């Protein structure tokens, strides 16, 4: 079954093209043309995924992304004509899960949407594991993270990183390995994109983010999740 996708794009012709391709792929699509309408629509009827243009009138895409992320873990695919690495990393830092730079192929957009929905748990599985590492619990089937008894809101990309590392606590993962596990990211900002995700995760799960005890840096290699033996 298809998902409910909200497209926030001020170019009406481009929005119609995106809608047509997504509907052809089996999704239900709603379209808005400014940032304020996007925020209101997400709060009134949360979609399964938001396709968000960076340059929107009234409220621009980055601010929409920040407000949407504050409200929950809705997957966000950013559309941007900004190809500078710093701009792309800023989008990820605000909570975007993936991005496509314009001009782009509508077929690529559809593929990215499929990947994000899959990683967000839109296709629920059965018998999936629950990883417990120290104070951290990662429930793969429920797509839920608990740390020290409190729920942690994660983007799909952040969740995939934690899921991968929790399955093998103590193992050092390279940035490339973590990038591959998130699936779907543009290769223009590879390793630095993973660094942004790690920084954001540390803010969410560490007692003192500047002195991480769980998500540790392995110098010259990448990162590892420290803690006791995992349980399923």
C-alpha atoms as a PDB file:
ATOM      1  CA  UNK A   1       0.000   0.000   0.000  1.00  0.00           C
ATOM      2  CA  UNK A   2       1.123   3.534  -0.755  1.00  0.00           C
ATOM      3  CA  UNK A   3       1.937   6.222   1.762  1.00  0.00           C
ATOM      4  CA  UNK A   4       0.485   9.680   2.329  1.00  0.00           C
ATOM      5  CA  UNK A   5       3.063  12.189   1.051  1.00  0.00           C
ATOM      6  CA  UNK A   6       2.959  15.960   1.500  1.00  0.00           C
ATOM      7  CA  UNK A   7       4.793  17.987  -1.160  1.00  0.00           C
ATOM      8  CA  UNK A   8       5.737  21.581  -0.247  1.00  0.00           C
ATOM      9  CA  UNK A   9       6.887  23.225  -3.483  1.00  0.00           C
ATOM     10  CA  UNK A  10       6.118  26.791  -4.631  1.00  0.00           C
ATOM     11  CA  UNK A  11       6.704  26.032  -8.334  1.00  0.00           C
ATOM     12  CA  UNK A  12       3.269  24.776  -9.370  1.00  0.00           C
ATOM     13  CA  UNK A  13       4.510  22.982 -12.500  1.00  0.00           C
ATOM     14  CA  UNK A  14       7.235  21.199 -10.557  1.00  0.00           C
ATOM     15  CA  UNK A  15       4.795  20.305  -7.788  1.00  0.00           C
ATOM     16  CA  UNK A  16       2.367  18.846 -10.342  1.00  0.00           C
ATOM     17  CA  UNK A  17       5.167  16.766 -11.870  1.00  0.00           C
ATOM     18  CA  UNK A  18       6.221  15.410  -8.481  1.00  0.00           C
ATOM     19  CA  UNK A  19       2.598  14.645  -7.603  1.00  0.00           C
ATOM     20  CA  UNK A  20       2.078  12.757 -10.856  1.00  0.00           C
ATOM     21  CA  UNK A  21       5.133  10.548 -10.382  1.00  0.00           C
ATOM     22  CA  UNK A  22       4.383   9.810  -6.719  1.00  0.00           C
ATOM     23  CA  UNK A  23       0.730   9.001  -7.449  1.00  0.00           C
ATOM     24  CA  UNK A  24       1.828   6.721 -10.272  1.00  0.00           C
ATOM     25  CA  UNK A  25       3.971   4.911  -7.676  1.00  0.00           C
ATOM     26  CA  UNK A  26       0.851   4.312  -5.581  1.00  0.00           C
ATOM     27  CA  UNK A  27       1.037   7.125  -3.028  1.00  0.00           C
ATOM     28  CA  UNK A  28      -1.627   9.597  -1.945  1.00  0.00           C
ATOM     29  CA  UNK A  29      -0.236  13.115  -2.446  1.00  0.00           C
ATOM     30  CA  UNK A  30      -1.192  16.518  -1.018  1.00  0.00           C
ATOM     31  CA  UNK A  31       0.482  19.717  -2.255  1.00  0.00           C
ATOM     32  CA  UNK A  32       1.050  23.102  -0.582  1.00  0.00           C
ATOM     33  CA  UNK A  33       2.930  26.076  -2.002  1.00  0.00           C
ATOM     34  CA  UNK A  34       4.297  27.912   1.039  1.00  0.00           C
ATOM     35  CA  UNK A  35       6.020  27.074   4.290  1.00  0.00           C
ATOM     36  CA  UNK A  36       3.266  28.151   6.650  1.00  0.00           C
ATOM     37  CA  UNK A  37       0.751  25.917   4.891  1.00  0.00           C
ATOM     38  CA  UNK A  38       3.219  23.037   5.100  1.00  0.00           C
ATOM     39  CA  UNK A  39       3.552  23.406   8.876  1.00  0.00           C
ATOM     40  CA  UNK A  40      -0.204  23.705   9.363  1.00  0.00           C
ATOM     41  CA  UNK A  41      -0.875  20.657   7.181  1.00  0.00           C
ATOM     42  CA  UNK A  42       1.693  18.519   9.030  1.00  0.00           C
ATOM     43  CA  UNK A  43       0.187  19.442  12.405  1.00  0.00           C
ATOM     44  CA  UNK A  44      -3.414  18.901  11.248  1.00  0.00           C
ATOM     45  CA  UNK A  45      -2.884  15.661   9.342  1.00  0.00           C
ATOM     46  CA  UNK A  46       0.623  14.259   9.686  1.00  0.00           C
ATOM     47  CA  UNK A  47       1.757  12.625   6.428  1.00  0.00           C
ATOM     48  CA  UNK A  48       4.027   9.606   6.201  1.00  0.00           C
ATOM     49  CA  UNK A  49       6.693  11.712   4.502  1.00  0.00           C
ATOM     50  CA  UNK A  50       7.326  15.369   3.611  1.00  0.00           C
ATOM     51  CA  UNK A  51       8.957  16.435   0.331  1.00  0.00           C
ATOM     52  CA  UNK A  52      10.166  19.940   1.164  1.00  0.00           C
ATOM     53  CA  UNK A  53      11.573  22.642  -1.109  1.00  0.00           C
ATOM     54  CA  UNK A  54      14.315  24.774   0.454  1.00  0.00           C
ATOM     55  CA  UNK A  55      13.148  28.093  -1.074  1.00  0.00           C
ATOM     56  CA  UNK A  56       9.518  28.488   0.008  1.00  0.00           C
ATOM     57  CA  UNK A  57       7.587  31.755   0.467  1.00  0.00           C
ATOM     58  CA  UNK A  58       6.301  32.923   3.885  1.00  0.00           C
ATOM     59  CA  UNK A  59       8.379  30.374   5.835  1.00  0.00           C
ATOM     60  CA  UNK A  60      11.444  28.927   4.132  1.00  0.00           C
ATOM     61  CA  UNK A  61      12.203  25.222   3.970  1.00  0.00           C
ATOM     62  CA  UNK A  62      14.906  25.061   6.671  1.00  0.00           C
ATOM     63  CA  UNK A  63      12.593  26.691   9.228  1.00  0.00           C
ATOM     64  CA  UNK A  64       9.743  24.386   8.198  1.00  0.00           C
ATOM     65  CA  UNK A  65      12.065  21.422   8.687  1.00  0.00           C
ATOM     66  CA  UNK A  66      13.087  22.619  12.139  1.00  0.00           C
ATOM     67  CA  UNK A  67       9.478  23.104  13.299  1.00  0.00           C
ATOM     68  CA  UNK A  68       8.340  19.798  11.829  1.00  0.00           C
ATOM     69  CA  UNK A  69      11.232  17.974  13.464  1.00  0.00           C
ATOM     70  CA  UNK A  70      10.362  19.539  16.840  1.00  0.00           C
ATOM     71  CA  UNK A  71       6.891  18.010  16.489  1.00  0.00           C
ATOM     72  CA  UNK A  72       7.995  14.437  15.732  1.00  0.00           C
ATOM     73  CA  UNK A  73      10.074  12.077  13.596  1.00  0.00           C
ATOM     74  CA  UNK A  74       8.378  12.630  10.221  1.00  0.00           C
ATOM     75  CA  UNK A  75      10.785  11.688   7.369  1.00  0.00           C
ATOM     76  CA  UNK A  76      11.802  14.780   5.382  1.00  0.00           C
ATOM     77  CA  UNK A  77      13.231  14.802   1.856  1.00  0.00           C
ATOM     78  CA  UNK A  78      14.679  18.237   1.043  1.00  0.00           C
ATOM     79  CA  UNK A  79      14.684  19.643  -2.494  1.00  0.00           C
ATOM     80  CA  UNK A  80      17.364  22.278  -2.972  1.00  0.00           C
ATOM     81  CA  UNK A  81      19.182  24.171  -5.700  1.00  0.00           C
ATOM     82  CA  UNK A  82      21.958  24.832  -3.171  1.00  0.00           C
ATOM     83  CA  UNK A  83      24.821  22.466  -3.936  1.00  0.00           C
ATOM     84  CA  UNK A  84      27.326  23.898  -1.444  1.00  0.00           C
ATOM     85  CA  UNK A  85      28.256  21.272   1.122  1.00  0.00           C
ATOM     86  CA  UNK A  86      27.654  23.608   4.071  1.00  0.00           C
ATOM     87  CA  UNK A  87      24.062  24.262   2.933  1.00  0.00           C
ATOM     88  CA  UNK A  88      23.390  20.558   2.474  1.00  0.00           C
ATOM     89  CA  UNK A  89      24.830  19.727   5.874  1.00  0.00           C
ATOM     90  CA  UNK A  90      22.740  22.473   7.417  1.00  0.00           C
ATOM     91  CA  UNK A  91      19.634  20.744   6.072  1.00  0.00           C
ATOM     92  CA  UNK A  92      20.700  17.461   7.662  1.00  0.00           C
ATOM     93  CA  UNK A  93      21.521  19.237  10.912  1.00  0.00           C
ATOM     94  CA  UNK A  94      17.999  20.686  11.026  1.00  0.00           C
ATOM     95  CA  UNK A  95      16.573  17.192  10.742  1.00  0.00           C
ATOM     96  CA  UNK A  96      16.207  16.459   7.027  1.00  0.00           C
ATOM     97  CA  UNK A  97      16.721  12.759   6.307  1.00  0.00           C
ATOM     98  CA  UNK A  98      17.798  13.095   2.689  1.00  0.00           C
ATOM     99  CA  UNK A  99      18.111  15.735  -0.010  1.00  0.00           C
ATOM    100  CA  UNK A 100      18.119  16.062  -3.791  1.00  0.00           C
ATOM    101  CA  UNK A 101      19.760  18.943  -5.604  1.00  0.00           C
ATOM    102  CA  UNK A 102      17.928  20.575  -8.511  1.00  0.00           C
ATOM    103  CA  UNK A 103      17.597  19.776 -11.321  1.00  0.00           C
ATOM    104  CA  UNK A 104      16.758  16.183 -10.485  1.00  0.00           C
ATOM    105  CA  UNK A 105      15.110  13.190 -12.098  1.00  0.00           C
ATOM    106  CA  UNK A 106      11.540  12.557 -10.881  1.00  0.00           C
ATOM    107  CA  UNK A 107      12.362   8.845 -10.962  1.00  0.00           C
ATOM    108  CA  UNK A 108      15.251   9.454  -8.559  1.00  0.00           C
ATOM    109  CA  UNK A 109      12.890  11.341  -6.253  1.00  0.00           C
ATOM    110  CA  UNK A 110      10.460   8.414  -6.262  1.00  0.00           C
ATOM    111  CA  UNK A 111      13.335   6.038  -5.426  1.00  0.00           C
ATOM    112  CA  UNK A 112      14.446   8.270  -2.536  1.00  0.00           C
ATOM    113  CA  UNK A 113      10.874   8.396  -1.218  1.00  0.00           C
ATOM    114  CA  UNK A 114      10.645   4.602  -1.318  1.00  0.00           C
ATOM    115  CA  UNK A 115      13.941   4.289   0.556  1.00  0.00           C
ATOM    116  CA  UNK A 116      12.957   6.766   3.271  1.00  0.00           C
ATOM    117  CA  UNK A 117       9.568   5.149   3.779  1.00  0.00           C
ATOM    118  CA  UNK A 118      11.177   1.741   4.030  1.00  0.00           C
ATOM    119  CA  UNK A 119      13.712   2.967   6.552  1.00  0.00           C
ATOM    120  CA  UNK A 120      11.025   4.791   8.541  1.00  0.00           C
ATOM    121  CA  UNK A 121       9.250   1.482   9.058  1.00  0.00           C
ATOM    122  CA  UNK A 122       6.355   2.060   6.676  1.00  0.00           C
ATOM    123  CA  UNK A 123       6.608  -1.601   5.708  1.00  0.00           C
ATOM    124  CA  UNK A 124       6.328  -3.220   9.134  1.00  0.00           C
ATOM    125  CA  UNK A 125       8.079  -6.505   9.696  1.00  0.00           C
ATOM    126  CA  UNK A 126       7.585  -9.256  12.238  1.00  0.00           C
ATOM    127  CA  UNK A 127       9.978 -10.930  14.612  1.00  0.00           C
ATOM    128  CA  UNK A 128      12.418  -8.019  14.397  1.00  0.00           C
ATOM    129  CA  UNK A 129      14.942  -7.656  17.230  1.00  0.00           C
ATOM    130  CA  UNK A 130      15.098  -5.369  20.227  1.00  0.00           C
ATOM    131  CA  UNK A 131      18.683  -4.340  20.965  1.00  0.00           C
ATOM    132  CA  UNK A 132      19.597  -3.368  24.533  1.00  0.00           C
ATOM    133  CA  UNK A 133      22.998  -1.787  25.052  1.00  0.00           C
ATOM    134  CA  UNK A 134      23.656  -0.213  28.432  1.00  0.00           C
ATOM    135  CA  UNK A 135      20.925   2.383  29.078  1.00  0.00           C
ATOM    136  CA  UNK A 136      19.860   2.285  25.408  1.00  0.00           C
ATOM    137  CA  UNK A 137      17.037   0.207  23.897  1.00  0.00           C
ATOM    138  CA  UNK A 138      16.481   0.078  20.129  1.00  0.00           C
ATOM    139  CA  UNK A 139      13.191  -1.592  19.141  1.00  0.00           C
ATOM    140  CA  UNK A 140      13.483  -2.281  15.409  1.00  0.00           C
ATOM    141  CA  UNK A 141       9.888  -3.395  14.835  1.00  0.00           C
ATOM    142  CA  UNK A 142       8.352  -0.461  16.706  1.00  0.00           C
ATOM    143  CA  UNK A 143      10.993   1.917  15.300  1.00  0.00           C
ATOM    144  CA  UNK A 144      11.500   3.215  18.829  1.00  0.00           C
ATOM    145  CA  UNK A 145      14.506   4.296  20.870  1.00  0.00           C
ATOM    146  CA  UNK A 146      14.468   4.489  24.669  1.00  0.00           C
ATOM    147  CA  UNK A 147      17.375   5.887  26.656  1.00  0.00           C
ATOM    148  CA  UNK A 148      17.400   5.867  30.461  1.00  0.00           C
ATOM    149  CA  UNK A 149      13.689   5.188  30.429  1.00  0.00           C
ATOM    150  CA  UNK A 150      12.815   8.140  28.195  1.00  0.00           C
ATOM    151  CA  UNK A 151      11.713   7.976  24.519  1.00  0.00           C
ATOM    152  CA  UNK A 152      14.146   9.469  22.020  1.00  0.00           C
ATOM    153  CA  UNK A 153      12.863  11.036  18.802  1.00  0.00           C
ATOM    154  CA  UNK A 154      15.145  10.024  15.926  1.00  0.00           C
ATOM    155  CA  UNK A 155      15.104  10.708  12.217  1.00  0.00           C
ATOM    156  CA  UNK A 156      15.109   7.579  10.036  1.00  0.00           C
ATOM    157  CA  UNK A 157      18.794   8.107   9.287  1.00  0.00           C
ATOM    158  CA  UNK A 158      19.659   8.460  12.970  1.00  0.00           C
ATOM    159  CA  UNK A 159      17.633   5.362  13.781  1.00  0.00           C
ATOM    160  CA  UNK A 160      19.457   3.283  11.174  1.00  0.00           C
ATOM    161  CA  UNK A 161      22.804   4.342  12.634  1.00  0.00           C
ATOM    162  CA  UNK A 162      21.758   3.347  16.149  1.00  0.00           C
ATOM    163  CA  UNK A 163      20.185   0.098  14.928  1.00  0.00           C
ATOM    164  CA  UNK A 164      23.354  -0.868  13.072  1.00  0.00           C
ATOM    165  CA  UNK A 165      25.677  -0.032  15.961  1.00  0.00           C
ATOM    166  CA  UNK A 166      23.433  -1.576  18.647  1.00  0.00           C
ATOM    167  CA  UNK A 167      23.503  -4.896  16.794  1.00  0.00           C
ATOM    168  CA  UNK A 168      27.275  -5.030  17.342  1.00  0.00           C
ATOM    169  CA  UNK A 169      28.158  -3.024  20.479  1.00  0.00           C
ATOM    170  CA  UNK A 170      31.831  -2.283  20.874  1.00  0.00           C
ATOM    171  CA  UNK A 171      32.545  -2.628  17.153  1.00  0.00           C
ATOM    172  CA  UNK A 172      34.190   0.375  15.487  1.00  0.00           C
ATOM    173  CA  UNK A 173      32.295   1.449  12.353  1.00  0.00           C
ATOM    174  CA  UNK A 174      33.820   3.666   9.706  1.00  0.00           C
ATOM    175  CA  UNK A 175      31.888   6.656   8.442  1.00  0.00           C
ATOM    176  CA  UNK A 176      31.522   4.919   5.086  1.00  0.00           C
ATOM    177  CA  UNK A 177      29.960   1.861   6.726  1.00  0.00           C
ATOM    178  CA  UNK A 178      27.484   4.043   8.627  1.00  0.00           C
ATOM    179  CA  UNK A 179      26.689   5.995   5.473  1.00  0.00           C
ATOM    180  CA  UNK A 180      25.942   2.771   3.613  1.00  0.00           C
ATOM    181  CA  UNK A 181      23.568   1.613   6.348  1.00  0.00           C
ATOM    182  CA  UNK A 182      21.487   4.799   6.084  1.00  0.00           C
ATOM    183  CA  UNK A 183      20.930   4.172   2.354  1.00  0.00           C
ATOM    184  CA  UNK A 184      19.887   6.929  -0.018  1.00  0.00           C
ATOM    185  CA  UNK A 185      22.143   9.855   0.874  1.00  0.00           C
ATOM    186  CA  UNK A 186      23.714  11.943  -1.861  1.00  0.00           C
ATOM    187  CA  UNK A 187      27.438  11.137  -1.977  1.00  0.00           C
ATOM    188  CA  UNK A 188      28.378  14.853  -2.191  1.00  0.00           C
ATOM    189  CA  UNK A 189      28.569  15.138   1.594  1.00  0.00           C
ATOM    190  CA  UNK A 190      29.451  11.622   2.655  1.00  0.00           C
ATOM    191  CA  UNK A 191      31.507  11.372   5.813  1.00  0.00           C
ATOM    192  CA  UNK A 192      30.658  14.836   7.101  1.00  0.00           C
ATOM    193  CA  UNK A 193      26.962  13.974   6.905  1.00  0.00           C
ATOM    194  CA  UNK A 194      27.558  11.062   9.300  1.00  0.00           C
ATOM    195  CA  UNK A 195      29.401  13.405  11.662  1.00  0.00           C
ATOM    196  CA  UNK A 196      26.317  15.651  11.744  1.00  0.00           C
ATOM    197  CA  UNK A 197      24.078  12.694  12.607  1.00  0.00           C
ATOM    198  CA  UNK A 198      26.444  11.586  15.381  1.00  0.00           C
ATOM    199  CA  UNK A 199      26.476  15.086  16.875  1.00  0.00           C
ATOM    200  CA  UNK A 200      22.671  15.185  16.831  1.00  0.00           C
ATOM    201  CA  UNK A 201      22.399  11.712  18.382  1.00  0.00           C
ATOM    202  CA  UNK A 202      24.806  12.650  21.147  1.00  0.00           C
ATOM    203  CA  UNK A 203      22.586  15.600  22.022  1.00  0.00           C
ATOM    204  CA  UNK A 204      19.695  13.160  22.419  1.00  0.00           C
ATOM    205  CA  UNK A 205      21.235  10.213  24.263  1.00  0.00           C
ATOM    206  CA  UNK A 206      24.312  11.449  26.109  1.00  0.00           C
ATOM    207  CA  UNK A 207      24.192  12.955  29.602  1.00  0.00           C
ATOM    208  CA  UNK A 208      27.025  15.303  28.582  1.00  0.00           C
ATOM    209  CA  UNK A 209      27.159  15.451  24.759  1.00  0.00           C
ATOM    210  CA  UNK A 210      30.660  16.967  24.772  1.00  0.00           C
ATOM    211  CA  UNK A 211      31.923  13.993  26.812  1.00  0.00           C
ATOM    212  CA  UNK A 212      30.129  11.040  25.169  1.00  0.00           C
ATOM    213  CA  UNK A 213      30.020   7.768  27.058  1.00  0.00           C
ATOM    214  CA  UNK A 214      27.776   5.847  24.614  1.00  0.00           C
ATOM    215  CA  UNK A 215      28.550   7.083  21.094  1.00  0.00           C
ATOM    216  CA  UNK A 216      32.309   7.139  21.270  1.00  0.00           C
ATOM    217  CA  UNK A 217      34.793   8.361  18.679  1.00  0.00           C
ATOM    218  CA  UNK A 218      37.394   5.829  17.562  1.00  0.00           C
ATOM    219  CA  UNK A 219      40.192   8.004  16.271  1.00  0.00           C
ATOM    220  CA  UNK A 220      41.374   7.120  12.809  1.00  0.00           C
ATOM    221  CA  UNK A 221      38.408   4.786  12.280  1.00  0.00           C
ATOM    222  CA  UNK A 222      34.970   6.257  13.045  1.00  0.00           C
ATOM    223  CA  UNK A 223      32.519   5.552  15.871  1.00  0.00           C
ATOM    224  CA  UNK A 224      31.367   2.782  18.193  1.00  0.00           C
ATOM    225  CA  UNK A 225      28.478   2.231  20.573  1.00  0.00           C
ATOM    226  CA  UNK A 226      29.848   1.369  24.000  1.00  0.00           C
ATOM    227  CA  UNK A 227      27.904  -0.624  26.564  1.00  0.00           C
ATOM    228  CA  UNK A 228      27.142  -4.074  27.891  1.00  0.00           C
ATOM    229  CA  UNK A 229      26.223  -7.148  25.847  1.00  0.00           C
ATOM    230  CA  UNK A 230      23.245  -6.796  23.547  1.00  0.00           C
ATOM    231  CA  UNK A 231      20.008  -8.713  24.088  1.00  0.00           C
ATOM    232  CA  UNK A 232      17.277  -9.638  21.602  1.00  0.00           C
END
